[in-house]
N, C-alpha and C. Protein backbone atom coordinates (compact mmCIF):
# COMPACT_ATOMS: atom_id res chain seq x y z
N MET A 1 0.85 -1.17 0.00
CA MET A 1 0.00 0.00 0.00
C MET A 1 0.89 1.23 0.00
N ALA A 2 0.67 2.10 -0.99
CA ALA A 2 1.52 3.28 -1.10
C ALA A 2 0.82 4.39 -1.86
N ILE A 3 1.31 5.60 -1.63
CA ILE A 3 0.91 6.76 -2.42
C ILE A 3 2.15 7.17 -3.20
N ILE A 4 2.02 7.27 -4.51
CA ILE A 4 3.15 7.66 -5.36
C ILE A 4 2.76 8.85 -6.21
N ARG A 5 3.77 9.58 -6.66
CA ARG A 5 3.52 10.62 -7.66
C ARG A 5 3.46 9.91 -9.01
N ALA A 6 2.32 9.99 -9.66
CA ALA A 6 2.10 9.26 -10.90
C ALA A 6 2.95 9.84 -12.03
N GLN A 7 3.45 8.94 -12.83
CA GLN A 7 4.21 9.28 -14.03
C GLN A 7 3.52 8.62 -15.22
N LEU A 8 4.09 8.76 -16.37
CA LEU A 8 3.49 8.16 -17.57
C LEU A 8 3.36 6.65 -17.46
N ASP A 9 4.21 6.01 -16.65
CA ASP A 9 4.12 4.56 -16.46
C ASP A 9 2.78 4.14 -15.87
N GLN A 10 2.17 4.99 -15.08
CA GLN A 10 0.88 4.67 -14.45
C GLN A 10 -0.30 5.25 -15.22
N LEU A 11 -0.05 5.81 -16.39
CA LEU A 11 -1.09 6.53 -17.11
C LEU A 11 -2.35 5.70 -17.34
N ASP A 12 -2.22 4.50 -17.86
CA ASP A 12 -3.41 3.70 -18.17
C ASP A 12 -4.25 3.41 -16.94
N ALA A 13 -3.59 3.06 -15.84
CA ALA A 13 -4.32 2.73 -14.62
C ALA A 13 -5.00 3.96 -14.04
N VAL A 14 -4.31 5.10 -14.03
CA VAL A 14 -4.92 6.32 -13.52
C VAL A 14 -6.04 6.79 -14.45
N ALA A 15 -5.83 6.66 -15.76
CA ALA A 15 -6.86 7.08 -16.73
C ALA A 15 -8.14 6.28 -16.56
N ARG A 16 -8.03 5.00 -16.20
CA ARG A 16 -9.22 4.19 -15.95
C ARG A 16 -10.04 4.81 -14.82
N LEU A 17 -9.38 5.16 -13.73
CA LEU A 17 -10.08 5.78 -12.61
C LEU A 17 -10.55 7.20 -12.94
N PHE A 18 -9.74 7.92 -13.71
CA PHE A 18 -10.12 9.27 -14.12
C PHE A 18 -11.40 9.23 -14.95
N ASP A 19 -11.52 8.23 -15.81
CA ASP A 19 -12.74 8.06 -16.59
C ASP A 19 -13.92 7.75 -15.66
N ASP A 20 -13.72 6.88 -14.69
CA ASP A 20 -14.78 6.57 -13.72
C ASP A 20 -15.20 7.83 -12.95
N TYR A 21 -14.22 8.64 -12.59
CA TYR A 21 -14.47 9.91 -11.89
C TYR A 21 -15.35 10.82 -12.74
N ARG A 22 -15.02 10.94 -14.01
CA ARG A 22 -15.80 11.80 -14.90
C ARG A 22 -17.23 11.26 -15.07
N VAL A 23 -17.37 9.94 -15.17
CA VAL A 23 -18.69 9.33 -15.27
C VAL A 23 -19.49 9.62 -14.00
N PHE A 24 -18.84 9.55 -12.84
CA PHE A 24 -19.47 9.88 -11.57
C PHE A 24 -20.08 11.28 -11.62
N TYR A 25 -19.43 12.20 -12.33
CA TYR A 25 -19.93 13.58 -12.46
C TYR A 25 -20.77 13.79 -13.72
N GLY A 26 -21.30 12.71 -14.28
CA GLY A 26 -22.28 12.82 -15.34
C GLY A 26 -21.76 12.90 -16.76
N GLN A 27 -20.46 12.67 -16.95
CA GLN A 27 -19.91 12.70 -18.30
C GLN A 27 -19.96 11.31 -18.91
N PRO A 28 -20.05 11.23 -20.25
CA PRO A 28 -20.03 9.90 -20.88
C PRO A 28 -18.63 9.27 -20.77
N THR A 29 -18.59 7.97 -20.66
CA THR A 29 -17.30 7.30 -20.56
C THR A 29 -16.51 7.49 -21.85
N ASP A 30 -15.21 7.73 -21.70
CA ASP A 30 -14.31 7.88 -22.84
C ASP A 30 -12.87 7.72 -22.33
N ARG A 31 -12.47 6.47 -22.19
CA ARG A 31 -11.14 6.19 -21.63
C ARG A 31 -10.02 6.74 -22.48
N ALA A 32 -10.18 6.71 -23.79
CA ALA A 32 -9.12 7.23 -24.66
C ALA A 32 -8.94 8.73 -24.44
N ALA A 33 -10.04 9.46 -24.36
CA ALA A 33 -9.95 10.90 -24.11
C ALA A 33 -9.38 11.18 -22.72
N ALA A 34 -9.77 10.38 -21.74
CA ALA A 34 -9.24 10.55 -20.38
C ALA A 34 -7.73 10.35 -20.39
N ALA A 35 -7.27 9.31 -21.06
CA ALA A 35 -5.83 9.04 -21.14
C ALA A 35 -5.10 10.15 -21.88
N ASP A 36 -5.68 10.63 -22.98
CA ASP A 36 -5.06 11.72 -23.74
C ASP A 36 -4.94 12.98 -22.89
N PHE A 37 -6.00 13.28 -22.15
CA PHE A 37 -6.00 14.47 -21.30
C PHE A 37 -4.91 14.38 -20.24
N LEU A 38 -4.86 13.24 -19.54
CA LEU A 38 -3.85 13.08 -18.49
C LEU A 38 -2.44 13.04 -19.06
N ARG A 39 -2.28 12.39 -20.20
CA ARG A 39 -0.95 12.35 -20.85
C ARG A 39 -0.46 13.77 -21.12
N ALA A 40 -1.33 14.61 -21.66
CA ALA A 40 -0.96 16.00 -21.95
C ALA A 40 -0.59 16.74 -20.67
N ARG A 41 -1.38 16.53 -19.60
CA ARG A 41 -1.09 17.22 -18.34
C ARG A 41 0.29 16.81 -17.81
N LEU A 42 0.60 15.52 -17.88
CA LEU A 42 1.88 15.04 -17.37
C LEU A 42 3.03 15.48 -18.26
N GLN A 43 2.86 15.36 -19.57
CA GLN A 43 3.94 15.74 -20.49
C GLN A 43 4.23 17.23 -20.44
N GLN A 44 3.19 18.04 -20.32
CA GLN A 44 3.37 19.49 -20.28
C GLN A 44 3.61 20.01 -18.86
N GLN A 45 3.62 19.10 -17.90
CA GLN A 45 3.81 19.44 -16.49
C GLN A 45 2.79 20.49 -16.02
N ASP A 46 1.56 20.33 -16.51
CA ASP A 46 0.45 21.21 -16.13
C ASP A 46 -0.16 20.82 -14.80
N SER A 47 0.04 19.58 -14.39
CA SER A 47 -0.56 19.11 -13.15
C SER A 47 0.35 18.10 -12.48
N VAL A 48 0.02 17.82 -11.23
CA VAL A 48 0.70 16.80 -10.45
C VAL A 48 -0.37 15.81 -10.02
N ILE A 49 -0.11 14.54 -10.25
CA ILE A 49 -1.08 13.49 -9.92
C ILE A 49 -0.44 12.54 -8.92
N PHE A 50 -1.17 12.26 -7.85
CA PHE A 50 -0.75 11.25 -6.90
C PHE A 50 -1.70 10.06 -7.04
N ALA A 51 -1.15 8.85 -6.97
CA ALA A 51 -1.94 7.64 -7.10
C ALA A 51 -1.80 6.79 -5.85
N ALA A 52 -2.91 6.20 -5.44
CA ALA A 52 -2.92 5.24 -4.34
C ALA A 52 -2.79 3.85 -4.94
N ILE A 53 -1.84 3.08 -4.44
CA ILE A 53 -1.55 1.75 -4.98
C ILE A 53 -1.79 0.70 -3.90
N ALA A 54 -2.59 -0.31 -4.23
CA ALA A 54 -2.82 -1.45 -3.34
C ALA A 54 -2.77 -2.72 -4.19
N ALA A 55 -2.00 -3.68 -3.76
CA ALA A 55 -1.88 -4.96 -4.48
C ALA A 55 -1.56 -4.72 -5.96
N ALA A 56 -0.62 -3.80 -6.21
CA ALA A 56 -0.15 -3.47 -7.56
C ALA A 56 -1.23 -2.85 -8.45
N GLN A 57 -2.32 -2.36 -7.86
CA GLN A 57 -3.40 -1.73 -8.62
C GLN A 57 -3.57 -0.29 -8.15
N VAL A 58 -3.85 0.62 -9.09
CA VAL A 58 -4.20 2.00 -8.72
C VAL A 58 -5.65 1.99 -8.26
N VAL A 59 -5.86 2.41 -7.01
CA VAL A 59 -7.20 2.39 -6.43
C VAL A 59 -7.77 3.79 -6.19
N GLY A 60 -6.93 4.82 -6.38
CA GLY A 60 -7.39 6.18 -6.21
C GLY A 60 -6.37 7.16 -6.74
N PHE A 61 -6.79 8.41 -6.89
CA PHE A 61 -5.87 9.45 -7.36
C PHE A 61 -6.35 10.81 -6.90
N THR A 62 -5.44 11.75 -6.92
CA THR A 62 -5.78 13.15 -6.77
C THR A 62 -4.93 13.93 -7.77
N GLN A 63 -5.49 15.00 -8.31
CA GLN A 63 -4.79 15.81 -9.30
C GLN A 63 -4.76 17.26 -8.83
N LEU A 64 -3.57 17.84 -8.86
CA LEU A 64 -3.36 19.22 -8.43
C LEU A 64 -2.94 20.07 -9.61
N TYR A 65 -3.44 21.30 -9.63
CA TYR A 65 -3.03 22.27 -10.65
C TYR A 65 -2.37 23.46 -9.95
N PRO A 66 -1.28 23.96 -10.52
CA PRO A 66 -0.60 25.11 -9.90
C PRO A 66 -1.34 26.40 -10.20
N SER A 67 -1.24 27.31 -9.24
CA SER A 67 -1.76 28.65 -9.43
C SER A 67 -0.98 29.57 -8.51
N PHE A 68 -1.37 30.84 -8.48
CA PHE A 68 -0.67 31.81 -7.66
C PHE A 68 -1.68 32.76 -7.03
N SER A 69 -1.32 33.30 -5.89
CA SER A 69 -2.10 34.34 -5.23
C SER A 69 -1.44 35.67 -5.53
N SER A 70 -2.13 36.53 -6.22
CA SER A 70 -1.61 37.86 -6.52
C SER A 70 -1.49 38.70 -5.26
N VAL A 71 -2.41 38.52 -4.32
CA VAL A 71 -2.40 39.32 -3.11
C VAL A 71 -1.20 38.97 -2.24
N SER A 72 -0.95 37.68 -2.04
CA SER A 72 0.17 37.28 -1.18
C SER A 72 1.47 37.09 -1.95
N LEU A 73 1.39 37.14 -3.28
CA LEU A 73 2.57 36.95 -4.14
C LEU A 73 3.20 35.59 -3.92
N GLN A 74 2.36 34.58 -3.74
CA GLN A 74 2.87 33.25 -3.48
C GLN A 74 2.10 32.19 -4.26
N ARG A 75 2.71 31.01 -4.34
CA ARG A 75 2.12 29.86 -5.03
C ARG A 75 0.97 29.29 -4.21
N ILE A 76 -0.05 28.82 -4.92
CA ILE A 76 -1.09 27.99 -4.33
C ILE A 76 -1.27 26.78 -5.24
N TRP A 77 -1.90 25.76 -4.72
CA TRP A 77 -2.24 24.58 -5.52
C TRP A 77 -3.74 24.38 -5.44
N ILE A 78 -4.33 24.02 -6.56
CA ILE A 78 -5.75 23.70 -6.63
C ILE A 78 -5.88 22.18 -6.66
N LEU A 79 -6.50 21.64 -5.63
CA LEU A 79 -6.77 20.22 -5.60
C LEU A 79 -8.08 20.04 -6.37
N ASN A 80 -7.95 19.71 -7.64
CA ASN A 80 -9.10 19.72 -8.54
C ASN A 80 -9.86 18.40 -8.54
N ASP A 81 -9.16 17.29 -8.39
CA ASP A 81 -9.78 15.98 -8.52
C ASP A 81 -9.32 15.07 -7.38
N LEU A 82 -10.25 14.33 -6.82
CA LEU A 82 -9.95 13.32 -5.81
C LEU A 82 -10.95 12.19 -6.02
N TYR A 83 -10.45 10.97 -6.20
CA TYR A 83 -11.35 9.86 -6.47
C TYR A 83 -10.72 8.57 -5.98
N VAL A 84 -11.54 7.76 -5.34
CA VAL A 84 -11.14 6.41 -4.93
C VAL A 84 -12.19 5.46 -5.48
N ALA A 85 -11.73 4.36 -6.07
CA ALA A 85 -12.65 3.36 -6.62
C ALA A 85 -13.65 2.94 -5.55
N ALA A 86 -14.89 2.73 -5.96
CA ALA A 86 -15.96 2.40 -5.02
C ALA A 86 -15.60 1.20 -4.14
N SER A 87 -14.96 0.20 -4.71
CA SER A 87 -14.61 -1.01 -3.96
C SER A 87 -13.49 -0.79 -2.95
N ASP A 88 -12.81 0.34 -3.03
CA ASP A 88 -11.68 0.61 -2.15
C ASP A 88 -11.93 1.79 -1.20
N ARG A 89 -13.14 2.25 -1.13
CA ARG A 89 -13.46 3.36 -0.23
C ARG A 89 -13.54 2.89 1.22
N ARG A 90 -13.47 3.84 2.13
CA ARG A 90 -13.55 3.59 3.56
C ARG A 90 -12.34 2.81 4.08
N GLN A 91 -11.21 2.96 3.37
CA GLN A 91 -9.97 2.31 3.81
C GLN A 91 -8.87 3.33 4.07
N GLY A 92 -9.21 4.62 4.00
CA GLY A 92 -8.24 5.66 4.30
C GLY A 92 -7.47 6.19 3.11
N TRP A 93 -7.81 5.73 1.91
CA TRP A 93 -7.05 6.16 0.72
C TRP A 93 -7.22 7.65 0.45
N ALA A 94 -8.43 8.16 0.54
CA ALA A 94 -8.66 9.59 0.27
C ALA A 94 -7.87 10.44 1.26
N ARG A 95 -7.88 10.05 2.52
CA ARG A 95 -7.12 10.78 3.54
C ARG A 95 -5.62 10.77 3.19
N GLN A 96 -5.10 9.63 2.81
CA GLN A 96 -3.68 9.53 2.46
C GLN A 96 -3.35 10.36 1.22
N LEU A 97 -4.24 10.36 0.25
CA LEU A 97 -4.02 11.18 -0.95
C LEU A 97 -4.02 12.66 -0.60
N LEU A 98 -4.95 13.07 0.25
CA LEU A 98 -5.00 14.47 0.68
C LEU A 98 -3.75 14.86 1.46
N GLN A 99 -3.27 13.96 2.29
CA GLN A 99 -2.06 14.24 3.06
C GLN A 99 -0.84 14.33 2.14
N ALA A 100 -0.77 13.48 1.13
CA ALA A 100 0.33 13.55 0.16
C ALA A 100 0.28 14.87 -0.60
N ALA A 101 -0.93 15.30 -0.97
CA ALA A 101 -1.08 16.57 -1.68
C ALA A 101 -0.62 17.73 -0.81
N ALA A 102 -0.99 17.72 0.47
CA ALA A 102 -0.59 18.80 1.37
C ALA A 102 0.92 18.81 1.58
N THR A 103 1.51 17.64 1.75
CA THR A 103 2.97 17.55 1.92
C THR A 103 3.68 18.09 0.69
N PHE A 104 3.19 17.69 -0.48
CA PHE A 104 3.78 18.17 -1.73
C PHE A 104 3.65 19.69 -1.84
N ALA A 105 2.46 20.21 -1.58
CA ALA A 105 2.24 21.66 -1.70
C ALA A 105 3.17 22.41 -0.75
N GLN A 106 3.31 21.92 0.47
CA GLN A 106 4.24 22.55 1.41
C GLN A 106 5.66 22.52 0.89
N SER A 107 6.04 21.42 0.26
CA SER A 107 7.42 21.29 -0.24
C SER A 107 7.73 22.28 -1.36
N THR A 108 6.70 22.80 -2.00
CA THR A 108 6.91 23.79 -3.07
C THR A 108 6.83 25.22 -2.56
N GLY A 109 6.63 25.37 -1.26
CA GLY A 109 6.53 26.70 -0.67
C GLY A 109 5.16 27.34 -0.84
N ALA A 110 4.17 26.54 -1.18
CA ALA A 110 2.82 27.09 -1.39
C ALA A 110 2.24 27.64 -0.10
N ILE A 111 1.44 28.68 -0.25
CA ILE A 111 0.78 29.29 0.91
C ILE A 111 -0.50 28.55 1.27
N ARG A 112 -1.14 27.91 0.27
CA ARG A 112 -2.36 27.17 0.58
C ARG A 112 -2.68 26.18 -0.52
N LEU A 113 -3.55 25.26 -0.13
CA LEU A 113 -4.11 24.25 -1.02
C LEU A 113 -5.61 24.47 -0.99
N VAL A 114 -6.24 24.63 -2.15
CA VAL A 114 -7.67 24.93 -2.21
C VAL A 114 -8.41 23.85 -2.98
N LEU A 115 -9.68 23.68 -2.64
CA LEU A 115 -10.51 22.72 -3.35
C LEU A 115 -11.95 23.17 -3.30
N ALA A 116 -12.75 22.55 -4.12
CA ALA A 116 -14.20 22.77 -4.11
C ALA A 116 -14.87 21.41 -4.13
N THR A 117 -16.02 21.33 -3.52
CA THR A 117 -16.78 20.08 -3.54
C THR A 117 -18.26 20.43 -3.66
N GLN A 118 -19.02 19.49 -4.12
CA GLN A 118 -20.46 19.71 -4.25
C GLN A 118 -21.06 19.95 -2.87
N ALA A 119 -22.04 20.83 -2.82
CA ALA A 119 -22.67 21.21 -1.55
C ALA A 119 -23.26 20.01 -0.82
N GLU A 120 -23.76 19.02 -1.55
CA GLU A 120 -24.38 17.86 -0.90
C GLU A 120 -23.39 16.75 -0.57
N ASN A 121 -22.12 16.92 -0.88
CA ASN A 121 -21.12 15.89 -0.61
C ASN A 121 -20.61 16.01 0.83
N THR A 122 -21.47 15.69 1.76
CA THR A 122 -21.15 15.88 3.18
C THR A 122 -20.06 14.93 3.66
N ALA A 123 -19.96 13.74 3.07
CA ALA A 123 -18.90 12.81 3.48
C ALA A 123 -17.53 13.41 3.16
N ALA A 124 -17.38 13.96 1.97
CA ALA A 124 -16.10 14.59 1.60
C ALA A 124 -15.85 15.81 2.48
N GLN A 125 -16.87 16.59 2.74
CA GLN A 125 -16.71 17.78 3.58
C GLN A 125 -16.21 17.40 4.97
N ALA A 126 -16.75 16.33 5.53
CA ALA A 126 -16.31 15.87 6.85
C ALA A 126 -14.84 15.46 6.81
N LEU A 127 -14.44 14.77 5.75
CA LEU A 127 -13.03 14.38 5.61
C LEU A 127 -12.14 15.61 5.52
N TYR A 128 -12.49 16.56 4.65
CA TYR A 128 -11.68 17.77 4.49
C TYR A 128 -11.54 18.51 5.82
N GLU A 129 -12.65 18.67 6.50
CA GLU A 129 -12.62 19.40 7.77
C GLU A 129 -11.79 18.66 8.82
N SER A 130 -11.81 17.32 8.80
CA SER A 130 -11.01 16.55 9.76
C SER A 130 -9.52 16.74 9.52
N LEU A 131 -9.15 17.17 8.32
CA LEU A 131 -7.75 17.41 7.98
C LEU A 131 -7.37 18.88 8.09
N GLY A 132 -8.29 19.71 8.57
CA GLY A 132 -7.98 21.12 8.79
C GLY A 132 -8.44 22.07 7.71
N TYR A 133 -9.05 21.57 6.65
CA TYR A 133 -9.60 22.47 5.63
C TYR A 133 -10.73 23.27 6.26
N GLN A 134 -10.83 24.53 5.87
CA GLN A 134 -11.88 25.39 6.37
C GLN A 134 -12.70 25.92 5.21
N GLN A 135 -14.01 25.92 5.39
CA GLN A 135 -14.88 26.46 4.35
C GLN A 135 -14.65 27.96 4.26
N ASN A 136 -14.47 28.46 3.06
CA ASN A 136 -14.25 29.89 2.85
C ASN A 136 -15.61 30.60 2.88
N THR A 137 -15.79 31.44 3.88
CA THR A 137 -17.03 32.20 3.97
C THR A 137 -16.81 33.67 3.63
N GLU A 138 -15.57 34.00 3.30
CA GLU A 138 -15.22 35.38 3.01
C GLU A 138 -15.48 35.77 1.56
N PHE A 139 -15.41 34.79 0.66
CA PHE A 139 -15.56 35.07 -0.77
C PHE A 139 -16.64 34.19 -1.38
N HIS A 140 -17.31 34.71 -2.38
CA HIS A 140 -18.21 33.92 -3.21
C HIS A 140 -17.46 33.60 -4.49
N HIS A 141 -17.56 32.39 -4.95
CA HIS A 141 -16.88 31.98 -6.17
C HIS A 141 -17.91 31.89 -7.29
N TYR A 142 -17.55 32.40 -8.45
CA TYR A 142 -18.43 32.42 -9.60
C TYR A 142 -17.76 31.73 -10.77
N ALA A 143 -18.56 31.31 -11.73
CA ALA A 143 -18.04 30.71 -12.96
C ALA A 143 -18.80 31.29 -14.14
N LEU A 144 -18.10 31.56 -15.20
CA LEU A 144 -18.69 31.98 -16.47
C LEU A 144 -18.49 30.86 -17.45
N TRP A 145 -19.58 30.20 -17.83
CA TRP A 145 -19.48 29.08 -18.78
C TRP A 145 -19.30 29.63 -20.17
N LEU A 146 -18.20 29.31 -20.80
CA LEU A 146 -17.88 29.81 -22.14
C LEU A 146 -18.33 28.85 -23.23
N LYS A 147 -18.66 27.65 -22.84
CA LYS A 147 -19.22 26.64 -23.75
C LYS A 147 -20.36 25.97 -23.02
N PRO A 148 -21.32 25.43 -23.74
CA PRO A 148 -22.41 24.71 -23.06
C PRO A 148 -21.83 23.54 -22.25
N GLN A 149 -22.42 23.29 -21.08
CA GLN A 149 -22.01 22.16 -20.29
C GLN A 149 -22.49 20.88 -20.92
N THR A 150 -21.65 19.86 -20.85
CA THR A 150 -22.05 18.54 -21.40
C THR A 150 -22.28 17.55 -20.32
């Protein structure tokens, strides 16, 4: 059992879960597109992916995107994706992935790690709060959809 920083060697296994993650959020399955997307992120160093490994299988992942705070003039990381296979939930994998993400972000000198979750995802909210994440009540976040949602 381990958490590793995913490389191209783990692409197919992580892409399988990434596709499941997208399906969970209502997107049609498309493993080839999921693999292409992740391959581009890894090759262009646009993101950092951590994978949870159990019995030589990838059972979960988290994906971070770099950003910066203009106000503090420092790096931040956006924890954009977190997913554990349904059969491997409730075994501490999400917690370990979140801890790996926080350790990594700290190692880069980041001032904070941010994430968003669906309002009704109370299980995830409880996990985040148990690890010290605090709900931001100071700002409202908005999105401008530039293409129709699929």
